[in-house]
PDB file of N, CA and C in Angstrom:
ATOM      1  N   UNK A   1     -21.769  43.509 -22.958  1.00  0.00           N
ATOM      2  CA  UNK A   1     -21.678  42.132 -23.365  1.00  0.00           C
ATOM      3  C   UNK A   1     -22.781  41.863 -24.396  1.00  0.00           C
ATOM      4  N   UNK A   2     -22.433  41.177 -25.458  1.00  0.00           N
ATOM      5  CA  UNK A   2     -23.391  40.860 -26.508  1.00  0.00           C
ATOM      6  C   UNK A   2     -24.265  39.670 -26.112  1.00  0.00           C
ATOM      7  N   UNK A   3     -25.485  39.693 -26.618  1.00  0.00           N
ATOM      8  CA  UNK A   3     -26.445  38.631 -26.343  1.00  0.00           C
ATOM      9  C   UNK A   3     -25.863  37.263 -26.690  1.00  0.00           C
ATOM     10  N   UNK A   4     -25.226  37.173 -27.847  1.00  0.00           N
ATOM     11  CA  UNK A   4     -24.687  35.907 -28.334  1.00  0.00           C
ATOM     12  C   UNK A   4     -23.531  35.388 -27.482  1.00  0.00           C
ATOM     13  N   UNK A   5     -22.912  36.256 -26.702  1.00  0.00           N
ATOM     14  CA  UNK A   5     -21.845  35.822 -25.806  1.00  0.00           C
ATOM     15  C   UNK A   5     -22.404  35.094 -24.591  1.00  0.00           C
ATOM     16  N   UNK A   6     -23.619  35.433 -24.200  1.00  0.00           N
ATOM     17  CA  UNK A   6     -24.260  34.838 -23.026  1.00  0.00           C
ATOM     18  C   UNK A   6     -25.124  33.642 -23.416  1.00  0.00           C
ATOM     19  N   UNK A   7     -25.783  33.726 -24.560  1.00  0.00           N
ATOM     20  CA  UNK A   7     -26.722  32.694 -24.987  1.00  0.00           C
ATOM     21  C   UNK A   7     -26.315  32.084 -26.320  1.00  0.00           C
ATOM     22  N   UNK A   8     -26.524  30.791 -26.445  1.00  0.00           N
ATOM     23  CA  UNK A   8     -26.361  30.109 -27.722  1.00  0.00           C
ATOM     24  C   UNK A   8     -27.746  30.001 -28.342  1.00  0.00           C
ATOM     25  N   UNK A   9     -27.919  30.551 -29.521  1.00  0.00           N
ATOM     26  CA  UNK A   9     -29.209  30.532 -30.194  1.00  0.00           C
ATOM     27  C   UNK A   9     -29.374  29.199 -30.904  1.00  0.00           C
ATOM     28  N   UNK A  10     -30.515  28.561 -30.647  1.00  0.00           N
ATOM     29  CA  UNK A  10     -30.839  27.265 -31.244  1.00  0.00           C
ATOM     30  C   UNK A  10     -31.857  27.469 -32.370  1.00  0.00           C
ATOM     31  N   UNK A  11     -32.815  26.566 -32.471  1.00  0.00           N
ATOM     32  CA  UNK A  11     -33.742  26.598 -33.597  1.00  0.00           C
ATOM     33  C   UNK A  11     -34.846  27.644 -33.450  1.00  0.00           C
ATOM     34  N   UNK A  12     -35.409  27.980 -34.596  1.00  0.00           N
ATOM     35  CA  UNK A  12     -36.542  28.887 -34.678  1.00  0.00           C
ATOM     36  C   UNK A  12     -37.782  28.166 -34.175  1.00  0.00           C
ATOM     37  N   UNK A  13     -38.509  28.802 -33.254  1.00  0.00           N
ATOM     38  CA  UNK A  13     -39.733  28.212 -32.699  1.00  0.00           C
ATOM     39  C   UNK A  13     -40.960  28.748 -33.437  1.00  0.00           C
ATOM     40  N   UNK A  14     -40.937  30.046 -33.731  1.00  0.00           N
ATOM     41  CA  UNK A  14     -42.073  30.661 -34.413  1.00  0.00           C
ATOM     42  C   UNK A  14     -41.681  31.975 -35.042  1.00  0.00           C
ATOM     43  N   UNK A  15     -42.517  32.439 -35.971  1.00  0.00           N
ATOM     44  CA  UNK A  15     -42.214  33.672 -36.689  1.00  0.00           C
ATOM     45  C   UNK A  15     -43.495  34.435 -36.947  1.00  0.00           C
ATOM     46  N   UNK A  16     -43.447  35.759 -36.731  1.00  0.00           N
ATOM     47  CA  UNK A  16     -44.579  36.624 -37.008  1.00  0.00           C
ATOM     48  C   UNK A  16     -44.181  37.690 -38.002  1.00  0.00           C
ATOM     49  N   UNK A  17     -45.003  38.710 -38.134  1.00  0.00           N
ATOM     50  CA  UNK A  17     -44.746  39.744 -39.137  1.00  0.00           C
ATOM     51  C   UNK A  17     -43.536  40.611 -38.816  1.00  0.00           C
ATOM     52  N   UNK A  18     -43.221  40.794 -37.535  1.00  0.00           N
ATOM     53  CA  UNK A  18     -42.057  41.615 -37.200  1.00  0.00           C
ATOM     54  C   UNK A  18     -41.208  41.011 -36.096  1.00  0.00           C
ATOM     55  N   UNK A  19     -41.360  39.716 -35.850  1.00  0.00           N
ATOM     56  CA  UNK A  19     -40.579  39.088 -34.786  1.00  0.00           C
ATOM     57  C   UNK A  19     -40.394  37.600 -35.036  1.00  0.00           C
ATOM     58  N   UNK A  20     -39.366  37.068 -34.394  1.00  0.00           N
ATOM     59  CA  UNK A  20     -39.100  35.635 -34.416  1.00  0.00           C
ATOM     60  C   UNK A  20     -38.883  35.171 -32.987  1.00  0.00           C
ATOM     61  N   UNK A  21     -39.351  33.973 -32.665  1.00  0.00           N
ATOM     62  CA  UNK A  21     -39.111  33.375 -31.355  1.00  0.00           C
ATOM     63  C   UNK A  21     -38.146  32.215 -31.567  1.00  0.00           C
ATOM     64  N   UNK A  22     -37.054  32.260 -30.817  1.00  0.00           N
ATOM     65  CA  UNK A  22     -36.020  31.241 -30.961  1.00  0.00           C
ATOM     66  C   UNK A  22     -35.724  30.599 -29.617  1.00  0.00           C
ATOM     67  N   UNK A  23     -35.378  29.345 -29.666  1.00  0.00           N
ATOM     68  CA  UNK A  23     -34.925  28.623 -28.479  1.00  0.00           C
ATOM     69  C   UNK A  23     -33.452  28.984 -28.287  1.00  0.00           C
ATOM     70  N   UNK A  24     -33.057  29.226 -27.042  1.00  0.00           N
ATOM     71  CA  UNK A  24     -31.657  29.495 -26.765  1.00  0.00           C
ATOM     72  C   UNK A  24     -31.272  28.895 -25.416  1.00  0.00           C
ATOM     73  N   UNK A  25     -29.968  28.796 -25.195  1.00  0.00           N
ATOM     74  CA  UNK A  25     -29.432  28.189 -23.987  1.00  0.00           C
ATOM     75  C   UNK A  25     -28.411  29.143 -23.379  1.00  0.00           C
ATOM     76  N   UNK A  26     -28.533  29.365 -22.078  1.00  0.00           N
ATOM     77  CA  UNK A  26     -27.541  30.160 -21.360  1.00  0.00           C
ATOM     78  C   UNK A  26     -26.236  29.371 -21.371  1.00  0.00           C
ATOM     79  N   UNK A  27     -25.176  29.962 -21.893  1.00  0.00           N
ATOM     80  CA  UNK A  27     -23.893  29.268 -22.037  1.00  0.00           C
ATOM     81  C   UNK A  27     -23.298  28.860 -20.686  1.00  0.00           C
ATOM     82  N   UNK A  28     -23.582  29.628 -19.659  1.00  0.00           N
ATOM     83  CA  UNK A  28     -22.999  29.363 -18.342  1.00  0.00           C
ATOM     84  C   UNK A  28     -23.807  28.340 -17.539  1.00  0.00           C
ATOM     85  N   UNK A  29     -25.136  28.482 -17.554  1.00  0.00           N
ATOM     86  CA  UNK A  29     -25.989  27.653 -16.697  1.00  0.00           C
ATOM     87  C   UNK A  29     -26.697  26.515 -17.441  1.00  0.00           C
ATOM     88  N   UNK A  30     -26.669  26.535 -18.757  1.00  0.00           N
ATOM     89  CA  UNK A  30     -27.364  25.566 -19.606  1.00  0.00           C
ATOM     90  C   UNK A  30     -28.886  25.647 -19.490  1.00  0.00           C
ATOM     91  N   UNK A  31     -29.399  26.715 -18.887  1.00  0.00           N
ATOM     92  CA  UNK A  31     -30.841  26.898 -18.764  1.00  0.00           C
ATOM     93  C   UNK A  31     -31.435  27.295 -20.117  1.00  0.00           C
ATOM     94  N   UNK A  32     -32.572  26.678 -20.461  1.00  0.00           N
ATOM     95  CA  UNK A  32     -33.251  26.958 -21.720  1.00  0.00           C
ATOM     96  C   UNK A  32     -34.149  28.184 -21.600  1.00  0.00           C
ATOM     97  N   UNK A  33     -34.217  28.959 -22.653  1.00  0.00           N
ATOM     98  CA  UNK A  33     -35.064  30.138 -22.730  1.00  0.00           C
ATOM     99  C   UNK A  33     -35.711  30.193 -24.104  1.00  0.00           C
ATOM    100  N   UNK A  34     -36.816  30.898 -24.186  1.00  0.00           N
ATOM    101  CA  UNK A  34     -37.400  31.285 -25.469  1.00  0.00           C
ATOM    102  C   UNK A  34     -37.162  32.779 -25.595  1.00  0.00           C
ATOM    103  N   UNK A  35     -36.598  33.187 -26.701  1.00  0.00           N
ATOM    104  CA  UNK A  35     -36.258  34.586 -26.915  1.00  0.00           C
ATOM    105  C   UNK A  35     -37.058  35.123 -28.086  1.00  0.00           C
ATOM    106  N   UNK A  36     -37.696  36.258 -27.883  1.00  0.00           N
ATOM    107  CA  UNK A  36     -38.425  36.913 -28.969  1.00  0.00           C
ATOM    108  C   UNK A  36     -37.556  38.042 -29.488  1.00  0.00           C
ATOM    109  N   UNK A  37     -37.160  37.940 -30.740  1.00  0.00           N
ATOM    110  CA  UNK A  37     -36.326  38.957 -31.382  1.00  0.00           C
ATOM    111  C   UNK A  37     -37.227  39.809 -32.268  1.00  0.00           C
ATOM    112  N   UNK A  38     -37.282  41.094 -31.964  1.00  0.00           N
ATOM    113  CA  UNK A  38     -38.164  42.009 -32.684  1.00  0.00           C
ATOM    114  C   UNK A  38     -37.324  42.829 -33.653  1.00  0.00           C
ATOM    115  N   UNK A  39     -37.752  42.861 -34.899  1.00  0.00           N
ATOM    116  CA  UNK A  39     -37.037  43.592 -35.943  1.00  0.00           C
ATOM    117  C   UNK A  39     -37.798  44.886 -36.265  1.00  0.00           C
ATOM    118  N   UNK A  40     -37.079  46.004 -36.225  1.00  0.00           N
ATOM    119  CA  UNK A  40     -37.676  47.288 -36.545  1.00  0.00           C
ATOM    120  C   UNK A  40     -37.120  47.786 -37.869  1.00  0.00           C
ATOM    121  N   UNK A  41     -37.983  48.367 -38.677  1.00  0.00           N
ATOM    122  CA  UNK A  41     -37.555  48.946 -39.950  1.00  0.00           C
ATOM    123  C   UNK A  41     -36.952  50.331 -39.731  1.00  0.00           C
ATOM    124  N   UNK A  42     -37.560  51.111 -38.839  1.00  0.00           N
ATOM    125  CA  UNK A  42     -37.104  52.465 -38.548  1.00  0.00           C
ATOM    126  C   UNK A  42     -37.741  52.921 -37.237  1.00  0.00           C
ATOM    127  N   UNK A  43     -37.463  54.154 -36.833  1.00  0.00           N
ATOM    128  CA  UNK A  43     -37.974  54.661 -35.554  1.00  0.00           C
ATOM    129  C   UNK A  43     -39.497  54.683 -35.507  1.00  0.00           C
ATOM    130  N   UNK A  44     -40.128  55.021 -36.611  1.00  0.00           N
ATOM    131  CA  UNK A  44     -41.591  55.063 -36.640  1.00  0.00           C
ATOM    132  C   UNK A  44     -42.180  53.660 -36.465  1.00  0.00           C
ATOM    133  N   UNK A  45     -41.577  52.691 -37.103  1.00  0.00           N
ATOM    134  CA  UNK A  45     -42.033  51.307 -36.967  1.00  0.00           C
ATOM    135  C   UNK A  45     -41.820  50.825 -35.536  1.00  0.00           C
ATOM    136  N   UNK A  46     -40.691  51.206 -34.934  1.00  0.00           N
ATOM    137  CA  UNK A  46     -40.406  50.809 -33.546  1.00  0.00           C
ATOM    138  C   UNK A  46     -41.491  51.332 -32.616  1.00  0.00           C
ATOM    139  N   UNK A  47     -41.873  52.585 -32.784  1.00  0.00           N
ATOM    140  CA  UNK A  47     -42.911  53.172 -31.930  1.00  0.00           C
ATOM    141  C   UNK A  47     -44.234  52.425 -32.095  1.00  0.00           C
ATOM    142  N   UNK A  48     -44.586  52.098 -33.332  1.00  0.00           N
ATOM    143  CA  UNK A  48     -45.828  51.371 -33.592  1.00  0.00           C
ATOM    144  C   UNK A  48     -45.803  50.001 -32.916  1.00  0.00           C
ATOM    145  N   UNK A  49     -44.700  49.298 -33.058  1.00  0.00           N
ATOM    146  CA  UNK A  49     -44.582  47.959 -32.476  1.00  0.00           C
ATOM    147  C   UNK A  49     -44.634  48.018 -30.959  1.00  0.00           C
ATOM    148  N   UNK A  50     -43.928  48.973 -30.372  1.00  0.00           N
ATOM    149  CA  UNK A  50     -43.897  49.079 -28.910  1.00  0.00           C
ATOM    150  C   UNK A  50     -45.246  49.433 -28.326  1.00  0.00           C
ATOM    151  N   UNK A  51     -46.096  50.024 -29.116  1.00  0.00           N
ATOM    152  CA  UNK A  51     -47.435  50.348 -28.638  1.00  0.00           C
ATOM    153  C   UNK A  51     -48.367  49.147 -28.669  1.00  0.00           C
ATOM    154  N   UNK A  52     -47.954  48.092 -29.323  1.00  0.00           N
ATOM    155  CA  UNK A  52     -48.770  46.882 -29.369  1.00  0.00           C
ATOM    156  C   UNK A  52     -48.822  46.249 -27.979  1.00  0.00           C
ATOM    157  N   UNK A  53     -49.962  45.780 -27.583  1.00  0.00           N
ATOM    158  CA  UNK A  53     -50.119  45.207 -26.243  1.00  0.00           C
ATOM    159  C   UNK A  53     -49.266  43.968 -26.037  1.00  0.00           C
ATOM    160  N   UNK A  54     -48.981  43.233 -27.085  1.00  0.00           N
ATOM    161  CA  UNK A  54     -48.173  42.025 -26.954  1.00  0.00           C
ATOM    162  C   UNK A  54     -46.794  42.351 -26.393  1.00  0.00           C
ATOM    163  N   UNK A  55     -46.152  43.370 -26.907  1.00  0.00           N
ATOM    164  CA  UNK A  55     -44.817  43.738 -26.447  1.00  0.00           C
ATOM    165  C   UNK A  55     -44.877  44.220 -25.005  1.00  0.00           C
ATOM    166  N   UNK A  56     -45.868  45.052 -24.679  1.00  0.00           N
ATOM    167  CA  UNK A  56     -45.993  45.532 -23.303  1.00  0.00           C
ATOM    168  C   UNK A  56     -46.216  44.374 -22.346  1.00  0.00           C
ATOM    169  N   UNK A  57     -46.997  43.380 -22.755  1.00  0.00           N
ATOM    170  CA  UNK A  57     -47.250  42.216 -21.903  1.00  0.00           C
ATOM    171  C   UNK A  57     -45.980  41.426 -21.659  1.00  0.00           C
ATOM    172  N   UNK A  58     -45.175  41.254 -22.676  1.00  0.00           N
ATOM    173  CA  UNK A  58     -43.924  40.503 -22.529  1.00  0.00           C
ATOM    174  C   UNK A  58     -43.023  41.176 -21.500  1.00  0.00           C
ATOM    175  N   UNK A  59     -42.982  42.484 -21.504  1.00  0.00           N
ATOM    176  CA  UNK A  59     -42.110  43.205 -20.582  1.00  0.00           C
ATOM    177  C   UNK A  59     -42.571  43.075 -19.133  1.00  0.00           C
ATOM    178  N   UNK A  60     -43.825  42.738 -18.910  1.00  0.00           N
ATOM    179  CA  UNK A  60     -44.374  42.623 -17.563  1.00  0.00           C
ATOM    180  C   UNK A  60     -44.223  41.214 -17.006  1.00  0.00           C
ATOM    181  N   UNK A  61     -44.229  40.216 -17.872  1.00  0.00           N
ATOM    182  CA  UNK A  61     -44.171  38.813 -17.434  1.00  0.00           C
ATOM    183  C   UNK A  61     -42.919  38.578 -16.592  1.00  0.00           C
ATOM    184  N   UNK A  62     -43.083  37.866 -15.490  1.00  0.00           N
ATOM    185  CA  UNK A  62     -41.961  37.635 -14.591  1.00  0.00           C
ATOM    186  C   UNK A  62     -41.605  36.156 -14.516  1.00  0.00           C
ATOM    187  N   UNK A  63     -41.147  35.611 -15.616  1.00  0.00           N
ATOM    188  CA  UNK A  63     -40.579  34.270 -15.645  1.00  0.00           C
ATOM    189  C   UNK A  63     -39.481  34.293 -16.685  1.00  0.00           C
ATOM    190  N   UNK A  64     -38.617  33.268 -16.719  1.00  0.00           N
ATOM    191  CA  UNK A  64     -37.481  33.322 -17.636  1.00  0.00           C
ATOM    192  C   UNK A  64     -37.904  33.480 -19.090  1.00  0.00           C
ATOM    193  N   UNK A  65     -37.736  34.676 -19.574  1.00  0.00           N
ATOM    194  CA  UNK A  65     -38.032  34.975 -20.973  1.00  0.00           C
ATOM    195  C   UNK A  65     -37.021  36.009 -21.428  1.00  0.00           C
ATOM    196  N   UNK A  66     -36.597  35.890 -22.638  1.00  0.00           N
ATOM    197  CA  UNK A  66     -35.639  36.853 -23.173  1.00  0.00           C
ATOM    198  C   UNK A  66     -36.331  37.731 -24.194  1.00  0.00           C
ATOM    199  N   UNK A  67     -35.832  38.934 -24.344  1.00  0.00           N
ATOM    200  CA  UNK A  67     -36.365  39.842 -25.341  1.00  0.00           C
ATOM    201  C   UNK A  67     -35.192  40.540 -25.969  1.00  0.00           C
ATOM    202  N   UNK A  68     -34.957  40.277 -27.234  1.00  0.00           N
ATOM    203  CA  UNK A  68     -33.850  40.888 -27.953  1.00  0.00           C
ATOM    204  C   UNK A  68     -34.446  41.829 -28.986  1.00  0.00           C
ATOM    205  N   UNK A  69     -34.018  43.058 -28.980  1.00  0.00           N
ATOM    206  CA  UNK A  69     -34.552  44.059 -29.885  1.00  0.00           C
ATOM    207  C   UNK A  69     -33.453  44.481 -30.838  1.00  0.00           C
ATOM    208  N   UNK A  70     -33.768  44.523 -32.131  1.00  0.00           N
ATOM    209  CA  UNK A  70     -32.769  44.948 -33.095  1.00  0.00           C
ATOM    210  C   UNK A  70     -33.379  45.923 -34.086  1.00  0.00           C
ATOM    211  N   UNK A  71     -32.544  46.782 -34.639  1.00  0.00           N
ATOM    212  CA  UNK A  71     -32.986  47.765 -35.637  1.00  0.00           C
ATOM    213  C   UNK A  71     -32.520  47.347 -37.002  1.00  0.00           C
TER     214      UNK A  71
END
């Protein structure tokens, strides 16, 4: 199932050098989420980004947060 089938993407909340944070809504439950979409240029860039502590921290947080990764 595609991300966009489950969530409706709303406005841009913030933008960094390799990611954007967007507000989205679960289509079924209407629950609001903030989703961080990370853009990778290539495999080497992906490895560099994943080694950043920010990404590792996001994966550990246990509250409603979405993480969408794209190449």
